[in-house]
N, C-alpha and C. Protein backbone atom coordinates (compact mmCIF):
# COMPACT_ATOMS: atom_id res chain seq x y z
N MET A 1 -2.92 5.93 -31.35
CA MET A 1 -2.50 5.59 -29.47
C MET A 1 -1.34 5.51 -29.32
N ASP A 2 -0.43 6.69 -28.73
CA ASP A 2 0.42 6.59 -28.33
C ASP A 2 1.08 5.47 -27.56
N ARG A 3 0.85 4.29 -27.12
CA ARG A 3 1.08 3.75 -26.15
C ARG A 3 2.74 3.31 -27.00
N LYS A 4 3.75 2.68 -25.96
CA LYS A 4 4.98 2.31 -26.57
C LYS A 4 5.00 1.12 -27.10
N PRO A 5 5.35 0.13 -27.51
CA PRO A 5 5.56 -1.11 -28.23
C PRO A 5 5.69 -1.94 -26.81
N HIS A 6 6.76 -1.45 -26.13
CA HIS A 6 7.23 -1.92 -25.28
C HIS A 6 6.60 -1.86 -23.78
N SER A 7 5.67 -1.15 -23.45
CA SER A 7 5.29 -0.67 -22.39
C SER A 7 4.53 -1.82 -21.39
N LYS A 8 3.97 -3.18 -22.32
CA LYS A 8 3.63 -4.08 -21.46
C LYS A 8 4.55 -5.18 -20.86
N SER A 9 6.13 -4.70 -21.49
CA SER A 9 6.80 -5.80 -20.80
C SER A 9 7.47 -4.93 -20.15
N LEU A 10 7.51 -3.91 -19.78
CA LEU A 10 8.61 -3.27 -19.00
C LEU A 10 8.86 -4.23 -17.96
N ARG A 11 8.06 -4.82 -17.31
CA ARG A 11 8.12 -5.75 -15.78
C ARG A 11 8.28 -7.07 -16.35
N THR A 12 8.24 -7.36 -17.44
CA THR A 12 8.32 -8.87 -17.78
C THR A 12 9.69 -9.64 -17.17
N GLY A 13 9.37 -10.51 -16.39
CA GLY A 13 10.31 -11.48 -15.88
C GLY A 13 10.86 -10.40 -14.37
N ARG A 14 10.47 -9.73 -13.90
CA ARG A 14 10.97 -8.65 -12.89
C ARG A 14 9.85 -9.29 -11.95
N SER A 15 10.34 -9.45 -10.48
CA SER A 15 9.56 -9.98 -9.31
C SER A 15 9.80 -8.86 -8.44
N CYS A 16 8.66 -8.60 -7.10
CA CYS A 16 9.21 -7.55 -6.08
C CYS A 16 9.04 -8.90 -4.79
N GLU A 17 9.77 -8.02 -3.81
CA GLU A 17 9.76 -8.60 -2.43
C GLU A 17 9.08 -7.78 -1.77
N PRO A 18 8.09 -8.95 -0.84
CA PRO A 18 7.68 -7.81 0.28
C PRO A 18 8.52 -7.34 1.16
N ASN A 19 8.04 -6.31 2.03
CA ASN A 19 9.20 -5.68 2.73
C ASN A 19 10.56 -5.40 1.95
N ARG A 20 10.46 -5.38 0.85
CA ARG A 20 11.28 -4.31 0.09
C ARG A 20 11.15 -3.23 0.09
N CYS A 21 12.58 -2.40 -0.05
CA CYS A 21 11.96 -0.78 -0.56
C CYS A 21 12.16 -0.56 -1.69
N TYR A 22 11.29 0.74 -2.65
CA TYR A 22 11.41 0.85 -3.84
C TYR A 22 11.88 1.95 -3.66
N VAL A 23 11.80 2.42 -5.00
CA VAL A 23 11.44 4.19 -5.47
C VAL A 23 10.90 3.98 -6.94
N VAL A 24 9.55 4.24 -7.08
CA VAL A 24 8.92 4.11 -8.17
C VAL A 24 8.73 5.44 -8.62
N THR A 25 8.83 5.62 -10.03
CA THR A 25 8.48 7.27 -10.73
C THR A 25 7.95 6.86 -11.75
N SER A 26 6.09 7.74 -11.92
CA SER A 26 5.52 7.38 -12.86
C SER A 26 4.77 8.55 -13.69
N VAL A 27 5.20 9.18 -15.04
CA VAL A 27 5.32 10.14 -15.87
C VAL A 27 3.89 10.62 -16.18
N THR A 28 3.09 11.66 -16.17
CA THR A 28 2.22 11.59 -17.21
C THR A 28 1.91 12.01 -18.41
N HIS A 29 0.93 11.55 -19.06
CA HIS A 29 0.59 11.67 -20.34
C HIS A 29 1.45 12.67 -20.84
N ARG A 30 2.60 12.29 -21.85
CA ARG A 30 2.85 13.57 -22.99
C ARG A 30 3.37 14.28 -22.07
N ARG A 31 4.01 13.88 -20.65
CA ARG A 31 4.33 14.98 -19.79
C ARG A 31 3.61 16.19 -19.67
N GLN A 32 2.63 15.87 -19.38
CA GLN A 32 1.53 17.74 -19.15
C GLN A 32 2.09 17.77 -18.04
N PRO A 33 1.96 18.57 -17.34
CA PRO A 33 1.80 19.40 -15.91
C PRO A 33 0.61 18.99 -15.20
N LEU A 34 -0.23 17.62 -15.19
CA LEU A 34 -1.41 17.95 -14.80
C LEU A 34 -1.25 18.04 -13.11
N LEU A 35 0.09 17.47 -12.75
CA LEU A 35 0.07 17.68 -11.28
C LEU A 35 -0.36 18.55 -10.26
N SER A 36 0.02 19.34 -11.08
CA SER A 36 0.02 20.84 -10.27
C SER A 36 -1.30 21.33 -9.53
N ASP A 37 -2.31 20.40 -10.10
CA ASP A 37 -3.46 20.48 -9.79
C ASP A 37 -3.30 20.44 -8.13
N LEU A 38 -4.10 20.85 -7.22
CA LEU A 38 -4.27 20.95 -5.88
C LEU A 38 -4.76 19.59 -5.46
N HIS A 39 -6.39 19.80 -5.99
CA HIS A 39 -7.02 18.44 -5.62
C HIS A 39 -6.44 17.46 -6.47
N LEU A 40 -6.02 17.32 -7.70
CA LEU A 40 -5.54 16.43 -7.71
C LEU A 40 -4.08 15.56 -7.22
N SER A 41 -3.36 16.23 -7.08
CA SER A 41 -2.49 16.07 -5.96
C SER A 41 -2.43 15.11 -4.65
N ARG A 42 -3.74 15.94 -3.84
CA ARG A 42 -4.56 15.72 -3.11
C ARG A 42 -4.83 14.05 -3.06
N THR A 43 -5.29 13.98 -4.49
CA THR A 43 -6.18 12.53 -4.56
C THR A 43 -4.95 11.50 -4.37
N ILE A 44 -3.97 11.74 -4.96
CA ILE A 44 -2.67 10.89 -5.36
C ILE A 44 -2.07 10.39 -3.81
N ILE A 45 -2.28 11.60 -2.85
CA ILE A 45 -1.59 11.18 -1.84
C ILE A 45 -2.38 10.66 -0.93
N ARG A 46 -3.76 10.67 -1.14
CA ARG A 46 -5.26 9.86 0.05
C ARG A 46 -5.03 8.23 -0.61
N ALA A 47 -4.54 8.34 -2.15
CA ALA A 47 -4.23 6.90 -2.69
C ALA A 47 -3.24 6.01 -1.95
N MET A 48 -2.09 6.77 -1.62
CA MET A 48 -0.82 6.29 -1.44
C MET A 48 -1.12 5.93 -0.08
N GLN A 49 -1.57 6.48 0.93
CA GLN A 49 -2.13 6.84 2.32
C GLN A 49 -3.41 5.20 2.60
N GLU A 50 -4.04 5.21 1.24
CA GLU A 50 -4.87 4.41 1.64
C GLU A 50 -4.40 3.13 1.10
N GLU A 51 -3.36 2.68 0.29
CA GLU A 51 -2.73 1.47 0.32
C GLU A 51 -1.65 1.42 1.42
N GLU A 52 -1.37 2.42 2.44
CA GLU A 52 -0.79 1.98 3.39
C GLU A 52 -1.75 1.54 4.80
N ARG A 53 -3.03 1.94 4.90
CA ARG A 53 -3.46 1.26 5.41
C ARG A 53 -4.51 -0.04 5.29
N ARG A 54 -4.34 -0.40 3.74
CA ARG A 54 -4.32 -1.70 3.05
C ARG A 54 -3.48 -2.80 3.26
N GLY A 55 -2.19 -2.19 4.08
CA GLY A 55 -1.13 -3.10 4.10
C GLY A 55 -0.56 -2.87 3.06
N HIS A 56 -0.36 -2.84 1.49
CA HIS A 56 0.19 -2.75 0.74
C HIS A 56 1.36 -2.09 0.55
N ALA A 57 1.73 -0.39 1.24
CA ALA A 57 3.02 -0.32 0.76
C ALA A 57 2.92 0.68 1.70
N ARG A 58 4.41 1.05 2.61
CA ARG A 58 4.50 1.74 3.50
C ARG A 58 5.41 2.71 2.98
N THR A 59 4.49 4.15 3.07
CA THR A 59 5.29 5.22 2.48
C THR A 59 6.45 6.09 3.10
N LEU A 60 7.53 5.92 1.93
CA LEU A 60 8.42 6.29 2.84
C LEU A 60 9.00 7.75 2.72
N ALA A 61 8.83 8.00 1.57
CA ALA A 61 8.58 9.61 0.76
C ALA A 61 8.25 9.70 -0.35
N TYR A 62 7.93 10.47 -0.70
CA TYR A 62 7.30 11.03 -2.04
C TYR A 62 7.29 12.58 -2.45
N VAL A 63 7.44 12.39 -3.38
CA VAL A 63 7.33 14.19 -4.27
C VAL A 63 6.75 13.99 -5.44
N ILE A 64 5.11 15.02 -5.73
CA ILE A 64 4.46 15.34 -6.71
C ILE A 64 5.22 16.21 -7.67
N MET A 65 5.91 16.07 -8.63
CA MET A 65 6.28 17.22 -9.38
C MET A 65 4.93 17.14 -10.47
N PRO A 66 5.47 18.50 -11.24
CA PRO A 66 4.17 18.72 -11.97
C PRO A 66 3.59 17.83 -13.40
N ASP A 67 4.64 16.97 -13.71
CA ASP A 67 4.61 16.03 -14.56
C ASP A 67 4.91 14.48 -14.35
N HIS A 68 5.18 14.27 -13.06
CA HIS A 68 5.69 13.29 -12.64
C HIS A 68 5.41 12.54 -11.03
N LEU A 69 5.54 11.54 -11.13
CA LEU A 69 5.50 11.19 -9.62
C LEU A 69 6.62 10.48 -9.02
N HIS A 70 7.52 10.30 -8.02
CA HIS A 70 8.29 9.98 -7.13
C HIS A 70 8.13 9.49 -5.94
N TRP A 71 8.02 8.07 -5.98
CA TRP A 71 7.11 7.46 -4.61
C TRP A 71 8.12 5.96 -4.19
N MET A 72 8.92 6.69 -2.78
CA MET A 72 9.92 5.83 -2.10
C MET A 72 8.59 4.93 -1.05
N LEU A 73 8.61 3.44 -1.23
CA LEU A 73 7.72 2.65 -0.27
C LEU A 73 7.97 1.05 -0.06
N GLU A 74 8.03 1.08 0.97
CA GLU A 74 8.15 -0.47 1.60
C GLU A 74 6.94 -1.56 1.11
N LEU A 75 7.39 -1.77 0.07
CA LEU A 75 6.00 -2.97 0.04
C LEU A 75 5.46 -4.18 1.23
N GLY A 76 4.65 -4.16 0.88
CA GLY A 76 4.08 -5.06 2.10
C GLY A 76 3.74 -6.20 1.95
N GLU A 77 3.59 -7.03 3.22
CA GLU A 77 3.42 -8.67 2.84
C GLU A 77 2.36 -8.79 2.16
N GLY A 78 2.79 -9.59 0.97
CA GLY A 78 1.64 -10.07 0.15
C GLY A 78 1.34 -9.42 -1.19
N ALA A 79 1.91 -8.29 -1.07
CA ALA A 79 1.37 -7.04 -2.34
C ALA A 79 2.10 -7.12 -3.31
N SER A 80 1.82 -6.93 -4.22
CA SER A 80 2.16 -6.58 -5.72
C SER A 80 2.69 -5.47 -5.85
N LEU A 81 3.96 -4.74 -6.39
CA LEU A 81 4.32 -3.82 -6.70
C LEU A 81 3.52 -2.93 -7.94
N SER A 82 3.52 -3.62 -8.26
CA SER A 82 2.48 -3.55 -10.02
C SER A 82 1.08 -3.04 -9.41
N ARG A 83 0.50 -3.98 -8.77
CA ARG A 83 -1.17 -3.66 -8.48
C ARG A 83 -0.83 -2.10 -7.78
N THR A 84 0.07 -2.21 -6.68
CA THR A 84 -0.05 -1.43 -5.73
C THR A 84 0.25 0.12 -6.28
N VAL A 85 0.74 -0.17 -7.14
CA VAL A 85 1.21 1.53 -8.10
C VAL A 85 0.12 1.43 -8.97
N GLY A 86 -0.36 0.39 -9.59
CA GLY A 86 -1.66 0.45 -10.46
C GLY A 86 -2.79 1.23 -10.13
N THR A 87 -3.25 0.97 -8.85
CA THR A 87 -4.10 1.14 -8.05
C THR A 87 -4.20 2.56 -7.59
N VAL A 88 -2.76 3.25 -7.34
CA VAL A 88 -2.78 4.75 -6.92
C VAL A 88 -2.88 5.41 -8.04
N LYS A 89 -2.37 5.09 -9.32
CA LYS A 89 -2.60 5.63 -10.72
C LYS A 89 -3.88 5.81 -11.07
N SER A 90 -4.50 4.44 -10.56
CA SER A 90 -5.93 4.56 -11.16
C SER A 90 -6.96 5.52 -10.77
N VAL A 91 -6.85 6.06 -9.19
CA VAL A 91 -7.38 6.35 -8.65
C VAL A 91 -7.51 7.95 -8.69
N ALA A 92 -5.77 8.32 -9.05
CA ALA A 92 -5.77 9.78 -9.80
C ALA A 92 -6.26 9.43 -11.15
N ALA A 93 -5.76 8.81 -11.89
CA ALA A 93 -6.65 8.74 -13.19
C ALA A 93 -8.84 9.13 -13.11
N HIS A 94 -9.33 8.58 -12.48
CA HIS A 94 -10.75 8.23 -12.40
C HIS A 94 -11.07 10.14 -11.64
N ARG A 95 -10.33 10.57 -10.78
CA ARG A 95 -10.20 11.72 -10.45
C ARG A 95 -10.26 12.48 -11.25
N HIS A 96 -9.21 12.75 -12.29
CA HIS A 96 -8.97 13.61 -13.40
C HIS A 96 -9.72 13.02 -14.73
N GLY A 97 -10.48 12.35 -14.78
CA GLY A 97 -11.55 11.71 -15.89
C GLY A 97 -11.01 11.68 -17.11
N ASP A 98 -9.79 11.61 -17.38
CA ASP A 98 -9.05 11.78 -18.62
C ASP A 98 -7.57 11.09 -18.96
N VAL A 99 -7.03 10.85 -19.94
CA VAL A 99 -5.88 10.14 -19.75
C VAL A 99 -4.90 11.04 -18.83
N LEU A 100 -4.14 10.26 -17.75
CA LEU A 100 -3.28 10.87 -16.70
C LEU A 100 -2.32 10.73 -17.11
N TRP A 101 -1.99 9.49 -17.14
CA TRP A 101 -0.10 8.84 -16.71
C TRP A 101 0.00 7.83 -18.08
N GLN A 102 1.41 7.73 -18.44
CA GLN A 102 2.11 7.27 -19.50
C GLN A 102 1.88 5.79 -19.05
N ASP A 103 2.26 4.68 -19.69
CA ASP A 103 1.66 3.35 -19.33
C ASP A 103 2.70 3.14 -18.67
N GLY A 104 2.73 2.36 -17.68
CA GLY A 104 4.10 1.29 -16.68
C GLY A 104 4.27 2.36 -15.83
N PHE A 105 5.51 2.21 -15.32
CA PHE A 105 6.45 2.99 -14.62
C PHE A 105 7.72 2.44 -14.16
N HIS A 106 8.32 3.37 -13.53
CA HIS A 106 9.78 2.69 -13.98
C HIS A 106 10.26 2.41 -12.00
N ASP A 107 10.96 1.35 -11.80
CA ASP A 107 11.37 1.26 -10.37
C ASP A 107 12.56 0.56 -10.12
N HIS A 108 13.18 0.90 -8.77
CA HIS A 108 14.40 0.55 -8.38
C HIS A 108 14.32 -0.01 -6.99
N ALA A 109 14.77 -1.37 -6.77
CA ALA A 109 14.88 -1.54 -5.53
C ALA A 109 16.08 -1.37 -4.91
N ILE A 110 15.76 -0.75 -3.81
CA ILE A 110 16.56 -0.19 -3.08
C ILE A 110 17.54 -0.84 -2.47
N ARG A 111 19.11 -1.23 -2.91
CA ARG A 111 19.69 -1.96 -2.22
C ARG A 111 20.08 -2.06 -0.89
N ARG A 112 20.96 -2.77 -0.25
CA ARG A 112 21.04 -3.06 1.08
C ARG A 112 22.30 -1.30 1.59
N GLU A 113 22.90 -1.21 0.72
CA GLU A 113 24.47 -0.37 0.84
C GLU A 113 23.72 0.77 0.77
N GLU A 114 22.20 1.18 0.25
CA GLU A 114 22.11 2.49 0.15
C GLU A 114 21.56 3.00 1.18
N SER A 115 21.88 4.36 1.39
CA SER A 115 21.40 4.88 2.36
C SER A 115 19.56 5.28 2.20
N MET A 116 18.89 4.99 2.81
CA MET A 116 17.66 4.97 2.87
C MET A 116 17.65 6.70 2.80
N VAL A 117 17.76 7.50 3.78
CA VAL A 117 17.54 8.70 4.03
C VAL A 117 18.27 9.45 3.07
N GLN A 118 19.46 8.95 2.19
CA GLN A 118 19.73 9.82 1.21
C GLN A 118 19.20 9.97 0.18
N VAL A 119 18.79 8.57 -0.30
CA VAL A 119 17.86 8.38 -1.20
C VAL A 119 16.32 8.87 -0.95
N ALA A 120 15.61 9.59 0.09
CA ALA A 120 14.74 10.47 0.59
C ALA A 120 15.46 11.45 0.31
N ARG A 121 16.37 11.89 0.57
CA ARG A 121 16.67 13.68 0.39
C ARG A 121 16.63 13.50 -1.07
N TYR A 122 17.08 12.83 -2.13
CA TYR A 122 17.49 12.88 -3.23
C TYR A 122 16.00 13.39 -3.76
N ILE A 123 14.92 12.59 -3.79
CA ILE A 123 13.75 12.08 -4.31
C ILE A 123 13.06 13.79 -3.57
N ILE A 124 12.94 13.98 -2.34
CA ILE A 124 12.81 15.53 -2.05
C ILE A 124 13.01 16.90 -2.77
N ALA A 125 14.31 16.72 -3.18
CA ALA A 125 15.35 17.74 -3.62
C ALA A 125 14.67 18.24 -5.24
N ASN A 126 14.04 17.31 -5.64
CA ASN A 126 13.50 17.65 -7.05
C ASN A 126 12.93 19.21 -7.70
N PRO A 127 12.08 19.28 -6.41
CA PRO A 127 11.71 20.65 -6.58
C PRO A 127 12.50 22.06 -6.87
N LEU A 128 13.67 21.60 -5.88
CA LEU A 128 14.90 22.93 -5.83
C LEU A 128 15.94 22.50 -7.28
N ARG A 129 15.92 20.96 -7.74
CA ARG A 129 16.72 21.25 -8.73
C ARG A 129 16.03 21.87 -10.05
N ALA A 130 14.86 21.25 -10.19
CA ALA A 130 13.69 21.89 -11.42
C ALA A 130 13.79 23.29 -10.87
N ARG A 131 14.07 24.20 -9.68
CA ARG A 131 13.69 25.71 -9.56
C ARG A 131 12.35 25.94 -9.56
N LEU A 132 11.33 25.11 -9.27
CA LEU A 132 10.20 25.27 -8.94
C LEU A 132 9.95 26.53 -7.43
N VAL A 133 10.90 25.91 -6.79
CA VAL A 133 10.80 26.67 -5.51
C VAL A 133 12.73 26.77 -4.87
N GLN A 134 12.74 28.07 -4.31
CA GLN A 134 14.00 28.33 -3.41
C GLN A 134 14.40 27.17 -2.33
N ARG A 135 13.15 26.77 -1.51
CA ARG A 135 13.68 25.85 -0.19
C ARG A 135 12.20 25.31 -0.42
N ILE A 136 12.46 23.76 0.19
CA ILE A 136 11.33 22.97 0.07
C ILE A 136 10.36 22.90 0.76
N GLY A 137 10.58 23.74 1.72
CA GLY A 137 9.80 23.87 2.70
C GLY A 137 7.92 24.75 2.06
N ASP A 138 8.51 25.12 0.74
CA ASP A 138 7.84 26.28 0.03
C ASP A 138 6.93 25.22 -1.02
N TYR A 139 7.19 23.64 -1.11
CA TYR A 139 6.45 23.13 -1.85
C TYR A 139 5.76 22.61 -1.28
N PRO A 140 4.81 22.40 -1.89
CA PRO A 140 3.06 21.50 -1.00
C PRO A 140 3.54 20.24 -1.05
N PHE A 141 3.90 19.41 -2.42
CA PHE A 141 3.87 18.05 -2.48
C PHE A 141 4.76 17.18 -2.19
N TRP A 142 5.07 16.91 -0.80
CA TRP A 142 6.18 16.10 -0.61
C TRP A 142 6.20 15.96 0.70
N ASP A 143 6.68 14.57 1.27
CA ASP A 143 6.61 14.08 2.48
C ASP A 143 7.69 13.14 2.85
N ALA A 144 8.44 12.88 3.93
CA ALA A 144 9.12 11.94 3.74
C ALA A 144 8.99 11.45 5.49
N ILE A 145 9.33 10.40 6.04
CA ILE A 145 8.94 9.81 7.29
C ILE A 145 10.69 10.44 8.27
N TRP A 146 11.47 11.08 7.45
CA TRP A 146 12.72 11.10 8.20
C TRP A 146 13.20 12.96 8.26
N LEU A 147 12.27 13.65 7.61
CA LEU A 147 12.18 14.43 7.52
C LEU A 147 11.06 15.76 8.35
C-alpha cells in the first residue's frame, strides 16, 4: 500500500470556517496524468457544481491539471471542508473505477489581505506555467467567477 504514514493526520487539529475562502489542491495517485481525460474532468466539474447546489461550497475558481486539481471555494454554512472535498474526489474516483487520488489534500485559507482575484489568476495560469498551452483560452478545464 502506498499510503503515507501521516496522511490521516493532515487535517488533525485544523478547523474550517463557514463563509471562508480556501484554495484546495488534490493530487492524483502517483501523479499520473489521469485528469487529462475529458469525461473525468467533466465529472469533477459537475461534482463541484453539485456541491454548490447543495450549499456546501461556492466555486470561485478552479483549474484541473493533468495530475492535480486546484479549487478555490467559499465554504458553505455548516459544511465541512474535508467532507466537501472528499465528496468531489469520491464522485470522480467512482467514475474512474480505480484508485484516482492520493490520500488527503492541501488547503490554504485565504487571508483578508490576500487579493482573491490575484489568487484566482495564479491558479488559472497553471496551464501556462506548465507550458500545456500558450493562451489560457486554449485550455479546456478552468473557470473563475472574475474572468
